[in-house]
Amino acid sequence: MIYGTRQTKRPLRWAMVGGGRGSQIGYIHRSAALRDRYFDLVAGAFDIDAERGRAFGVELGLDPARCYSDWRALFAEEAKRSDGIEAVSIATPNNTHYEITKAALESGLHVVCEKPLCFTVAEAEDLKRIADERGRIVGVTYGYSGHQVIEHARELVAAGELGEIRLVNLQFAHGFHNEAVELQNPATRWRVDPRFAGPSYVLGDIGTHPLYISEVILPDLHIKRLLCARQSFIKTRAPLEDNAVTLMEYDNGAFGTVWSSAINAGSMHGQKVRIVGSKASIEWWDEQPNQLRFEVQGDPVRILERGMGYLHAKALADDRIGAGHPEGLFEAWANLYDRFAIAMEARNEDDNERLSSLRYPGVEAGVEGVRWVENCVRSADLGGVWVDYR
């Protein structure tokens, strides 16, 4: 269980790019990073409007002199300080991720970046190369993977409790964008504009979340080929999709589906991961994230609860309160930020043994998310045909 005791020698000096007033995601980054004091927020470039960003940083309690007009000034000025930043989180529109992440890595900083990491596999592999050359950590915020029962699901598969994996059914299908809400909401508007969002909307924005969770649970399964069909039910969103269905064939013969949608009217969140084996199935639903359904053929359904002693030790290690109390997304994100910090310290100290013992969504996860989106878009643009995964 996590008691808030430190597993690193000291907090890392940390900054944010983006995540200012009105940001949908900025507060959860700060809450997660600061929860266990693995990071200290000391600087930032919070807004494209310099004065608004500076005012916001001051309201967070930062030194006005360390609230910068943009990320270029942030990296340049902090590099001159003996107490300059060591890590940065990037919570800006998608089209900026590659440039800012590359500049941060080249400035010697560890990075936590929103997904998608960038637009193309070539860009993603370039970031991985730079991170490897500079010895820096890149974390990608697949925040739902920080829920503890995901670890137990992974261990059930590893122990053979499900038998041979046959089906992988994934979805993230909410209904909040079933109308053109972007006309009134600037935080949504850029997500449906290809100049800022990139080659996809729901595939990259939400579809990659359950995809990554499936990769955590099923590390030995690899996509062989896929077929994707995507639609723009709100016509002004074209060429970006607000609904997509992806079919996948895995290298072991298993079959997978991913439903990515923002127009599933009536659905609050609709993220589910169901994995079917020859002996049993598991299912996780992010609206009830503290439970894991374990369904053995011929037996009553078992609902496994977070925090209970029958779970695997790796699942119990991330608990923050006793069983029965509900934990949520803020705790899941905090678990990831803790791991990011531990990984950053291990990298700084060249402690490869410690680093290899950690599981977190790193640059490899970022590359694979971009790869999946790129293949989905390629298939859809060819008319919804099977394409070899590359």
Foldseek 3Di string as FASTA:
>chain_A
DDPLDDPFPAAFEEEEEALFPPAPCNVLLVLLQPVSRNHDDAAYAHDCAQVRQLVRVVVVVYDSVRHGNHLVCNLVVLLVDPNRGAEYEYRFFQQCQLVSLVVQLVSNHAYEYEPLNHAALVSLVVSVVSCVVSLHWYFYCLLLLLQLVLVLLLVCVVVCVQPAWAEKEWEWAAAPPLDPCVVPRVNCVQLLPCVGNNLERQLTPPQLSLVVSVCSSCVPKDFFKKWKAFDDPPVVSPPYGQWMKMWTAIPVRHIYIYIGHHRPPPGHTPTKIWIHGPFWIWMADQVQHQWIWIGGPPDDIDTDGQQDPVGDPSSNVLDDDHTPDDDHSSSSSSSQSSLSSQLRSCSVVVVVVSNVVDDGRISVSSSVSSQVVVSNSVNNVVPGDMDTRD
